[in-house]
């Protein structure tokens, strides 16, 4: 067996890797990562109750539509969810 102290030709032509520290360096704001940019907050006087109710109704319609689509695409999961919901309702009756 050849002596392992000598480098092979492939190893001698390969560039040396820089040594890595135990932990990768973190950016300065790593404590609080910003996931999305800050949105300007609307003041209550800029948004009327009717606008808020309209947005909420639209959101609830889309949520219901998404649930119905998921129930059609995954009928077994929908059945399990229905049974689980019925059990919850039966358990916490007052």
PDB file of N, CA and C in Angstrom:
ATOM      1  N   UNK A   1       0.851  -1.172   0.000  1.00  0.00           N
ATOM      2  CA  UNK A   1       0.000   0.000   0.000  1.00  0.00           C
ATOM      3  C   UNK A   1       0.900   1.239   0.000  1.00  0.00           C
ATOM      4  N   UNK A   2       0.612   2.226  -0.873  1.00  0.00           N
ATOM      5  CA  UNK A   2       1.477   3.414  -0.919  1.00  0.00           C
ATOM      6  C   UNK A   2       1.321   4.244   0.342  1.00  0.00           C
ATOM      7  N   UNK A   3       2.338   5.014   0.593  1.00  0.00           N
ATOM      8  CA  UNK A   3       2.351   5.870   1.767  1.00  0.00           C
ATOM      9  C   UNK A   3       1.289   6.966   1.609  1.00  0.00           C
ATOM     10  N   UNK A   4       0.416   7.156   2.601  1.00  0.00           N
ATOM     11  CA  UNK A   4      -0.698   8.103   2.508  1.00  0.00           C
ATOM     12  C   UNK A   4      -0.261   9.549   2.717  1.00  0.00           C
ATOM     13  N   UNK A   5       0.957   9.784   3.122  1.00  0.00           N
ATOM     14  CA  UNK A   5       1.405  11.156   3.350  1.00  0.00           C
ATOM     15  C   UNK A   5       1.582  11.905   2.041  1.00  0.00           C
ATOM     16  N   UNK A   6       1.907  11.165   0.983  1.00  0.00           N
ATOM     17  CA  UNK A   6       2.102  11.802  -0.313  1.00  0.00           C
ATOM     18  C   UNK A   6       0.750  12.056  -0.962  1.00  0.00           C
ATOM     19  N   UNK A   7       0.656  13.197  -1.650  1.00  0.00           N
ATOM     20  CA  UNK A   7      -0.585  13.537  -2.342  1.00  0.00           C
ATOM     21  C   UNK A   7      -0.582  12.923  -3.727  1.00  0.00           C
ATOM     22  N   UNK A   8      -1.755  12.532  -4.178  1.00  0.00           N
ATOM     23  CA  UNK A   8      -1.882  12.019  -5.535  1.00  0.00           C
ATOM     24  C   UNK A   8      -1.870  13.202  -6.499  1.00  0.00           C
ATOM     25  N   UNK A   9      -1.664  12.966  -7.791  1.00  0.00           N
ATOM     26  CA  UNK A   9      -1.670  14.080  -8.757  1.00  0.00           C
ATOM     27  C   UNK A   9      -3.002  14.830  -8.768  1.00  0.00           C
ATOM     28  N   UNK A  10      -4.114  14.120  -8.572  1.00  0.00           N
ATOM     29  CA  UNK A  10      -5.414  14.795  -8.554  1.00  0.00           C
ATOM     30  C   UNK A  10      -5.528  15.744  -7.368  1.00  0.00           C
ATOM     31  N   UNK A  11      -4.991  15.318  -6.230  1.00  0.00           N
ATOM     32  CA  UNK A  11      -5.078  16.143  -5.032  1.00  0.00           C
ATOM     33  C   UNK A  11      -4.165  17.354  -5.124  1.00  0.00           C
ATOM     34  N   UNK A  12      -3.048  17.218  -5.781  1.00  0.00           N
ATOM     35  CA  UNK A  12      -2.116  18.337  -5.852  1.00  0.00           C
ATOM     36  C   UNK A  12      -2.631  19.433  -6.773  1.00  0.00           C
ATOM     37  N   UNK A  13      -3.454  19.099  -7.774  1.00  0.00           N
ATOM     38  CA  UNK A  13      -3.977  20.121  -8.678  1.00  0.00           C
ATOM     39  C   UNK A  13      -5.268  20.740  -8.164  1.00  0.00           C
ATOM     40  N   UNK A  14      -5.893  20.119  -7.202  1.00  0.00           N
ATOM     41  CA  UNK A  14      -7.145  20.620  -6.660  1.00  0.00           C
ATOM     42  C   UNK A  14      -6.872  21.828  -5.767  1.00  0.00           C
ATOM     43  N   UNK A  15      -7.662  22.918  -5.898  1.00  0.00           N
ATOM     44  CA  UNK A  15      -7.437  24.074  -5.012  1.00  0.00           C
ATOM     45  C   UNK A  15      -7.815  23.730  -3.574  1.00  0.00           C
ATOM     46  N   UNK A  16      -7.125  24.356  -2.655  1.00  0.00           N
ATOM     47  CA  UNK A  16      -7.381  24.121  -1.236  1.00  0.00           C
ATOM     48  C   UNK A  16      -8.700  24.764  -0.844  1.00  0.00           C
ATOM     49  N   UNK A  17      -9.450  24.089   0.016  1.00  0.00           N
ATOM     50  CA  UNK A  17     -10.696  24.648   0.533  1.00  0.00           C
ATOM     51  C   UNK A  17     -10.388  25.556   1.711  1.00  0.00           C
ATOM     52  N   UNK A  18     -11.085  26.683   1.789  1.00  0.00           N
ATOM     53  CA  UNK A  18     -10.906  27.505   2.995  1.00  0.00           C
ATOM     54  C   UNK A  18     -11.579  26.815   4.175  1.00  0.00           C
ATOM     55  N   UNK A  19     -10.989  26.984   5.339  1.00  0.00           N
ATOM     56  CA  UNK A  19     -11.572  26.348   6.521  1.00  0.00           C
ATOM     57  C   UNK A  19     -12.855  27.066   6.893  1.00  0.00           C
ATOM     58  N   UNK A  20     -13.845  26.272   7.285  1.00  0.00           N
ATOM     59  CA  UNK A  20     -15.120  26.851   7.692  1.00  0.00           C
ATOM     60  C   UNK A  20     -15.190  26.887   9.202  1.00  0.00           C
ATOM     61  N   UNK A  21     -15.847  27.908   9.699  1.00  0.00           N
ATOM     62  CA  UNK A  21     -16.045  27.970  11.142  1.00  0.00           C
ATOM     63  C   UNK A  21     -17.161  27.003  11.520  1.00  0.00           C
ATOM     64  N   UNK A  22     -17.319  26.753  12.793  1.00  0.00           N
ATOM     65  CA  UNK A  22     -18.325  25.806  13.264  1.00  0.00           C
ATOM     66  C   UNK A  22     -19.736  26.276  12.924  1.00  0.00           C
ATOM     67  N   UNK A  23     -19.980  27.577  13.028  1.00  0.00           N
ATOM     68  CA  UNK A  23     -21.297  28.132  12.731  1.00  0.00           C
ATOM     69  C   UNK A  23     -21.184  29.126  11.586  1.00  0.00           C
ATOM     70  N   UNK A  24     -22.157  29.118  10.683  1.00  0.00           N
ATOM     71  CA  UNK A  24     -22.128  30.132   9.629  1.00  0.00           C
ATOM     72  C   UNK A  24     -22.439  31.499  10.224  1.00  0.00           C
ATOM     73  N   UNK A  25     -21.860  32.523   9.623  1.00  0.00           N
ATOM     74  CA  UNK A  25     -22.097  33.869  10.138  1.00  0.00           C
ATOM     75  C   UNK A  25     -23.512  34.295   9.802  1.00  0.00           C
ATOM     76  N   UNK A  26     -24.132  34.989  10.733  1.00  0.00           N
ATOM     77  CA  UNK A  26     -25.498  35.453  10.539  1.00  0.00           C
ATOM     78  C   UNK A  26     -25.487  36.925  10.159  1.00  0.00           C
ATOM     79  N   UNK A  27     -26.455  37.336   9.358  1.00  0.00           N
ATOM     80  CA  UNK A  27     -26.565  38.772   9.090  1.00  0.00           C
ATOM     81  C   UNK A  27     -26.982  39.508  10.361  1.00  0.00           C
ATOM     82  N   UNK A  28     -26.837  40.812  10.330  1.00  0.00           N
ATOM     83  CA  UNK A  28     -27.099  41.611  11.533  1.00  0.00           C
ATOM     84  C   UNK A  28     -28.540  41.521  12.006  1.00  0.00           C
ATOM     85  N   UNK A  29     -29.483  41.427  11.087  1.00  0.00           N
ATOM     86  CA  UNK A  29     -30.898  41.407  11.477  1.00  0.00           C
ATOM     87  C   UNK A  29     -31.440  39.988  11.572  1.00  0.00           C
ATOM     88  N   UNK A  30     -30.595  39.027  11.889  1.00  0.00           N
ATOM     89  CA  UNK A  30     -31.040  37.631  11.945  1.00  0.00           C
ATOM     90  C   UNK A  30     -31.969  37.382  13.126  1.00  0.00           C
ATOM     91  N   UNK A  31     -31.919  38.219  14.146  1.00  0.00           N
ATOM     92  CA  UNK A  31     -32.792  38.029  15.293  1.00  0.00           C
ATOM     93  C   UNK A  31     -34.257  38.185  14.933  1.00  0.00           C
ATOM     94  N   UNK A  32     -34.538  39.106  14.036  1.00  0.00           N
ATOM     95  CA  UNK A  32     -35.915  39.377  13.629  1.00  0.00           C
ATOM     96  C   UNK A  32     -35.971  39.426  12.110  1.00  0.00           C
ATOM     97  N   UNK A  33     -36.137  38.282  11.463  1.00  0.00           N
ATOM     98  CA  UNK A  33     -36.179  38.306  10.002  1.00  0.00           C
ATOM     99  C   UNK A  33     -37.444  38.993   9.505  1.00  0.00           C
ATOM    100  N   UNK A  34     -37.294  39.786   8.462  1.00  0.00           N
ATOM    101  CA  UNK A  34     -38.444  40.487   7.900  1.00  0.00           C
ATOM    102  C   UNK A  34     -38.977  39.650   6.756  1.00  0.00           C
ATOM    103  N   UNK A  35     -40.158  39.095   6.924  1.00  0.00           N
ATOM    104  CA  UNK A  35     -40.703  38.180   5.925  1.00  0.00           C
ATOM    105  C   UNK A  35     -41.366  38.912   4.775  1.00  0.00           C
ATOM    106  N   UNK A  36     -41.973  40.031   5.030  1.00  0.00           N
ATOM    107  CA  UNK A  36     -42.603  40.793   3.980  1.00  0.00           C
ATOM    108  C   UNK A  36     -42.444  42.267   4.320  1.00  0.00           C
ATOM    109  N   UNK A  37     -42.480  43.113   3.316  1.00  0.00           N
ATOM    110  CA  UNK A  37     -42.289  44.538   3.595  1.00  0.00           C
ATOM    111  C   UNK A  37     -43.462  45.101   4.390  1.00  0.00           C
ATOM    112  N   UNK A  38     -43.168  46.121   5.132  1.00  0.00           N
ATOM    113  CA  UNK A  38     -44.203  46.757   5.948  1.00  0.00           C
ATOM    114  C   UNK A  38     -45.247  47.398   5.046  1.00  0.00           C
ATOM    115  N   UNK A  39     -46.510  47.157   5.369  1.00  0.00           N
ATOM    116  CA  UNK A  39     -47.597  47.782   4.632  1.00  0.00           C
ATOM    117  C   UNK A  39     -48.030  49.031   5.384  1.00  0.00           C
ATOM    118  N   UNK A  40     -48.364  50.075   4.660  1.00  0.00           N
ATOM    119  CA  UNK A  40     -48.846  51.263   5.364  1.00  0.00           C
ATOM    120  C   UNK A  40     -50.176  50.958   6.043  1.00  0.00           C
ATOM    121  N   UNK A  41     -50.293  51.344   7.280  1.00  0.00           N
ATOM    122  CA  UNK A  41     -51.504  51.071   8.051  1.00  0.00           C
ATOM    123  C   UNK A  41     -52.518  52.160   7.745  1.00  0.00           C
ATOM    124  N   UNK A  42     -53.715  51.729   7.346  1.00  0.00           N
ATOM    125  CA  UNK A  42     -54.766  52.704   7.076  1.00  0.00           C
ATOM    126  C   UNK A  42     -55.398  53.146   8.386  1.00  0.00           C
ATOM    127  N   UNK A  43     -55.694  54.405   8.461  1.00  0.00           N
ATOM    128  CA  UNK A  43     -56.374  54.899   9.652  1.00  0.00           C
ATOM    129  C   UNK A  43     -57.856  54.560   9.539  1.00  0.00           C
ATOM    130  N   UNK A  44     -58.530  54.370  10.684  1.00  0.00           N
ATOM    131  CA  UNK A  44     -59.958  54.009  10.652  1.00  0.00           C
ATOM    132  C   UNK A  44     -60.815  55.005   9.881  1.00  0.00           C
ATOM    133  N   UNK A  45     -60.444  56.294   9.903  1.00  0.00           N
ATOM    134  CA  UNK A  45     -61.283  57.262   9.209  1.00  0.00           C
ATOM    135  C   UNK A  45     -61.136  57.145   7.688  1.00  0.00           C
ATOM    136  N   UNK A  46     -60.053  56.517   7.211  1.00  0.00           N
ATOM    137  CA  UNK A  46     -59.875  56.346   5.774  1.00  0.00           C
ATOM    138  C   UNK A  46     -60.673  55.155   5.245  1.00  0.00           C
ATOM    139  N   UNK A  47     -61.001  54.214   6.104  1.00  0.00           N
ATOM    140  CA  UNK A  47     -61.728  53.025   5.674  1.00  0.00           C
ATOM    141  C   UNK A  47     -63.072  52.984   6.392  1.00  0.00           C
ATOM    142  N   UNK A  48     -64.122  52.983   5.622  1.00  0.00           N
ATOM    143  CA  UNK A  48     -65.445  52.975   6.238  1.00  0.00           C
ATOM    144  C   UNK A  48     -65.813  51.563   6.650  1.00  0.00           C
ATOM    145  N   UNK A  49     -66.827  51.459   7.480  1.00  0.00           N
ATOM    146  CA  UNK A  49     -67.312  50.144   7.908  1.00  0.00           C
ATOM    147  C   UNK A  49     -67.818  49.337   6.721  1.00  0.00           C
ATOM    148  N   UNK A  50     -68.452  50.011   5.787  1.00  0.00           N
ATOM    149  CA  UNK A  50     -68.983  49.312   4.612  1.00  0.00           C
ATOM    150  C   UNK A  50     -67.851  48.687   3.801  1.00  0.00           C
ATOM    151  N   UNK A  51     -66.745  49.420   3.642  1.00  0.00           N
ATOM    152  CA  UNK A  51     -65.602  48.870   2.902  1.00  0.00           C
ATOM    153  C   UNK A  51     -65.015  47.668   3.630  1.00  0.00           C
ATOM    154  N   UNK A  52     -64.903  47.776   4.936  1.00  0.00           N
ATOM    155  CA  UNK A  52     -64.343  46.674   5.717  1.00  0.00           C
ATOM    156  C   UNK A  52     -65.237  45.442   5.626  1.00  0.00           C
ATOM    157  N   UNK A  53     -66.551  45.647   5.745  1.00  0.00           N
ATOM    158  CA  UNK A  53     -67.490  44.523   5.639  1.00  0.00           C
ATOM    159  C   UNK A  53     -67.450  43.901   4.246  1.00  0.00           C
ATOM    160  N   UNK A  54     -67.301  44.752   3.221  1.00  0.00           N
ATOM    161  CA  UNK A  54     -67.224  44.244   1.851  1.00  0.00           C
ATOM    162  C   UNK A  54     -65.972  43.380   1.667  1.00  0.00           C
ATOM    163  N   UNK A  55     -64.836  43.857   2.176  1.00  0.00           N
ATOM    164  CA  UNK A  55     -63.599  43.073   2.078  1.00  0.00           C
ATOM    165  C   UNK A  55     -63.712  41.770   2.853  1.00  0.00           C
ATOM    166  N   UNK A  56     -64.316  41.833   4.024  1.00  0.00           N
ATOM    167  CA  UNK A  56     -64.473  40.629   4.857  1.00  0.00           C
ATOM    168  C   UNK A  56     -65.387  39.615   4.174  1.00  0.00           C
ATOM    169  N   UNK A  57     -66.483  40.087   3.586  1.00  0.00           N
ATOM    170  CA  UNK A  57     -67.406  39.194   2.883  1.00  0.00           C
ATOM    171  C   UNK A  57     -66.711  38.534   1.694  1.00  0.00           C
ATOM    172  N   UNK A  58     -65.909  39.311   0.963  1.00  0.00           N
ATOM    173  CA  UNK A  58     -65.171  38.754  -0.172  1.00  0.00           C
ATOM    174  C   UNK A  58     -64.192  37.685   0.305  1.00  0.00           C
ATOM    175  N   UNK A  59     -63.492  37.968   1.396  1.00  0.00           N
ATOM    176  CA  UNK A  59     -62.538  37.000   1.949  1.00  0.00           C
ATOM    177  C   UNK A  59     -63.248  35.709   2.361  1.00  0.00           C
ATOM    178  N   UNK A  60     -64.386  35.837   3.036  1.00  0.00           N
ATOM    179  CA  UNK A  60     -65.115  34.650   3.484  1.00  0.00           C
ATOM    180  C   UNK A  60     -65.657  33.848   2.302  1.00  0.00           C
ATOM    181  N   UNK A  61     -66.092  34.542   1.245  1.00  0.00           N
ATOM    182  CA  UNK A  61     -66.541  33.828   0.041  1.00  0.00           C
ATOM    183  C   UNK A  61     -65.398  33.029  -0.573  1.00  0.00           C
ATOM    184  N   UNK A  62     -64.220  33.652  -0.686  1.00  0.00           N
ATOM    185  CA  UNK A  62     -63.065  32.957  -1.262  1.00  0.00           C
ATOM    186  C   UNK A  62     -62.630  31.790  -0.385  1.00  0.00           C
ATOM    187  N   UNK A  63     -62.703  31.970   0.926  1.00  0.00           N
ATOM    188  CA  UNK A  63     -62.335  30.896   1.844  1.00  0.00           C
ATOM    189  C   UNK A  63     -63.280  29.705   1.694  1.00  0.00           C
ATOM    190  N   UNK A  64     -64.570  29.994   1.607  1.00  0.00           N
ATOM    191  CA  UNK A  64     -65.557  28.926   1.425  1.00  0.00           C
ATOM    192  C   UNK A  64     -65.348  28.217   0.097  1.00  0.00           C
ATOM    193  N   UNK A  65     -65.061  28.991  -0.941  1.00  0.00           N
ATOM    194  CA  UNK A  65     -64.821  28.396  -2.257  1.00  0.00           C
ATOM    195  C   UNK A  65     -63.587  27.493  -2.230  1.00  0.00           C
ATOM    196  N   UNK A  66     -62.550  27.926  -1.536  1.00  0.00           N
ATOM    197  CA  UNK A  66     -61.336  27.108  -1.437  1.00  0.00           C
ATOM    198  C   UNK A  66     -61.614  25.817  -0.674  1.00  0.00           C
ATOM    199  N   UNK A  67     -62.406  25.901   0.390  1.00  0.00           N
ATOM    200  CA  UNK A  67     -62.761  24.688   1.152  1.00  0.00           C
ATOM    201  C   UNK A  67     -63.560  23.716   0.286  1.00  0.00           C
ATOM    202  N   UNK A  68     -64.532  24.250  -0.462  1.00  0.00           N
ATOM    203  CA  UNK A  68     -65.342  23.387  -1.326  1.00  0.00           C
ATOM    204  C   UNK A  68     -64.484  22.716  -2.393  1.00  0.00           C
ATOM    205  N   UNK A  69     -63.555  23.460  -2.954  1.00  0.00           N
ATOM    206  CA  UNK A  69     -62.662  22.882  -3.958  1.00  0.00           C
ATOM    207  C   UNK A  69     -61.813  21.778  -3.349  1.00  0.00           C
ATOM    208  N   UNK A  70     -61.274  22.026  -2.164  1.00  0.00           N
ATOM    209  CA  UNK A  70     -60.459  21.009  -1.490  1.00  0.00           C
ATOM    210  C   UNK A  70     -61.298  19.770  -1.170  1.00  0.00           C
ATOM    211  N   UNK A  71     -62.543  19.982  -0.762  1.00  0.00           N
ATOM    212  CA  UNK A  71     -63.423  18.848  -0.464  1.00  0.00           C
ATOM    213  C   UNK A  71     -63.711  18.021  -1.715  1.00  0.00           C
ATOM    214  N   UNK A  72     -63.855  18.696  -2.859  1.00  0.00           N
ATOM    215  CA  UNK A  72     -64.088  17.954  -4.104  1.00  0.00           C
ATOM    216  C   UNK A  72     -62.848  17.190  -4.541  1.00  0.00           C
ATOM    217  N   UNK A  73     -61.692  17.795  -4.358  1.00  0.00           N
ATOM    218  CA  UNK A  73     -60.445  17.176  -4.818  1.00  0.00           C
ATOM    219  C   UNK A  73     -60.007  16.058  -3.886  1.00  0.00           C
ATOM    220  N   UNK A  74     -60.262  16.216  -2.588  1.00  0.00           N
ATOM    221  CA  UNK A  74     -59.824  15.224  -1.597  1.00  0.00           C
ATOM    222  C   UNK A  74     -61.026  14.760  -0.774  1.00  0.00           C
ATOM    223  N   UNK A  75     -61.880  13.908  -1.335  1.00  0.00           N
ATOM    224  CA  UNK A  75     -63.112  13.531  -0.627  1.00  0.00           C
ATOM    225  C   UNK A  75     -62.866  12.770   0.670  1.00  0.00           C
ATOM    226  N   UNK A  76     -61.830  11.947   0.723  1.00  0.00           N
ATOM    227  CA  UNK A  76     -61.581  11.187   1.950  1.00  0.00           C
ATOM    228  C   UNK A  76     -61.197  12.128   3.092  1.00  0.00           C
ATOM    229  N   UNK A  77     -60.340  13.086   2.793  1.00  0.00           N
ATOM    230  CA  UNK A  77     -59.949  14.054   3.817  1.00  0.00           C
ATOM    231  C   UNK A  77     -61.147  14.883   4.261  1.00  0.00           C
ATOM    232  N   UNK A  78     -62.024  15.216   3.323  1.00  0.00           N
ATOM    233  CA  UNK A  78     -63.213  15.996   3.666  1.00  0.00           C
ATOM    234  C   UNK A  78     -64.125  15.202   4.593  1.00  0.00           C
ATOM    235  N   UNK A  79     -64.274  13.910   4.321  1.00  0.00           N
ATOM    236  CA  UNK A  79     -65.124  13.078   5.174  1.00  0.00           C
ATOM    237  C   UNK A  79     -64.553  12.990   6.577  1.00  0.00           C
ATOM    238  N   UNK A  80     -63.245  12.787   6.678  1.00  0.00           N
ATOM    239  CA  UNK A  80     -62.598  12.709   7.989  1.00  0.00           C
ATOM    240  C   UNK A  80     -62.763  14.031   8.731  1.00  0.00           C
ATOM    241  N   UNK A  81     -62.613  15.140   8.023  1.00  0.00           N
ATOM    242  CA  UNK A  81     -62.776  16.449   8.660  1.00  0.00           C
ATOM    243  C   UNK A  81     -64.208  16.645   9.141  1.00  0.00           C
ATOM    244  N   UNK A  82     -65.193  16.202   8.340  1.00  0.00           N
ATOM    245  CA  UNK A  82     -66.601  16.303   8.757  1.00  0.00           C
ATOM    246  C   UNK A  82     -66.861  15.494  10.011  1.00  0.00           C
ATOM    247  N   UNK A  83     -66.350  14.264  10.045  1.00  0.00           N
ATOM    248  CA  UNK A  83     -66.556  13.414  11.220  1.00  0.00           C
ATOM    249  C   UNK A  83     -65.875  14.004  12.452  1.00  0.00           C
ATOM    250  N   UNK A  84     -64.678  14.533  12.258  1.00  0.00           N
ATOM    251  CA  UNK A  84     -63.959  15.140  13.384  1.00  0.00           C
ATOM    252  C   UNK A  84     -64.714  16.357  13.914  1.00  0.00           C
ATOM    253  N   UNK A  85     -65.248  17.164  12.997  1.00  0.00           N
ATOM    254  CA  UNK A  85     -66.008  18.340  13.411  1.00  0.00           C
ATOM    255  C   UNK A  85     -67.272  17.927  14.165  1.00  0.00           C
ATOM    256  N   UNK A  86     -67.954  16.890  13.676  1.00  0.00           N
ATOM    257  CA  UNK A  86     -69.164  16.412  14.351  1.00  0.00           C
ATOM    258  C   UNK A  86     -68.833  15.899  15.747  1.00  0.00           C
ATOM    259  N   UNK A  87     -67.715  15.206  15.886  1.00  0.00           N
ATOM    260  CA  UNK A  87     -67.307  14.708  17.203  1.00  0.00           C
ATOM    261  C   UNK A  87     -67.008  15.869  18.150  1.00  0.00           C
ATOM    262  N   UNK A  88     -66.357  16.893  17.620  1.00  0.00           N
ATOM    263  CA  UNK A  88     -66.064  18.064  18.450  1.00  0.00           C
ATOM    264  C   UNK A  88     -67.350  18.732  18.905  1.00  0.00           C
ATOM    265  N   UNK A  89     -68.291  18.858  18.003  1.00  0.00           N
ATOM    266  CA  UNK A  89     -69.562  19.490  18.353  1.00  0.00           C
ATOM    267  C   UNK A  89     -70.323  18.646  19.378  1.00  0.00           C
ATOM    268  N   UNK A  90     -70.261  17.335  19.249  1.00  0.00           N
ATOM    269  CA  UNK A  90     -70.949  16.448  20.180  1.00  0.00           C
ATOM    270  C   UNK A  90     -70.289  16.502  21.555  1.00  0.00           C
ATOM    271  N   UNK A  91     -68.967  16.615  21.575  1.00  0.00           N
ATOM    272  CA  UNK A  91     -68.230  16.591  22.842  1.00  0.00           C
ATOM    273  C   UNK A  91     -68.474  17.851  23.660  1.00  0.00           C
ATOM    274  N   UNK A  92     -68.492  19.004  22.990  1.00  0.00           N
ATOM    275  CA  UNK A  92     -68.583  20.267  23.722  1.00  0.00           C
ATOM    276  C   UNK A  92     -69.991  20.847  23.674  1.00  0.00           C
ATOM    277  N   UNK A  93     -70.974  20.002  23.837  1.00  0.00           N
ATOM    278  CA  UNK A  93     -72.355  20.466  23.854  1.00  0.00           C
ATOM    279  C   UNK A  93     -72.649  21.080  25.221  1.00  0.00           C
ATOM    280  N   UNK A  94     -73.470  22.105  25.273  1.00  0.00           N
ATOM    281  CA  UNK A  94     -73.853  22.677  26.570  1.00  0.00           C
ATOM    282  C   UNK A  94     -75.307  22.850  26.703  1.00  0.00           C
TER     283      UNK A  94
END
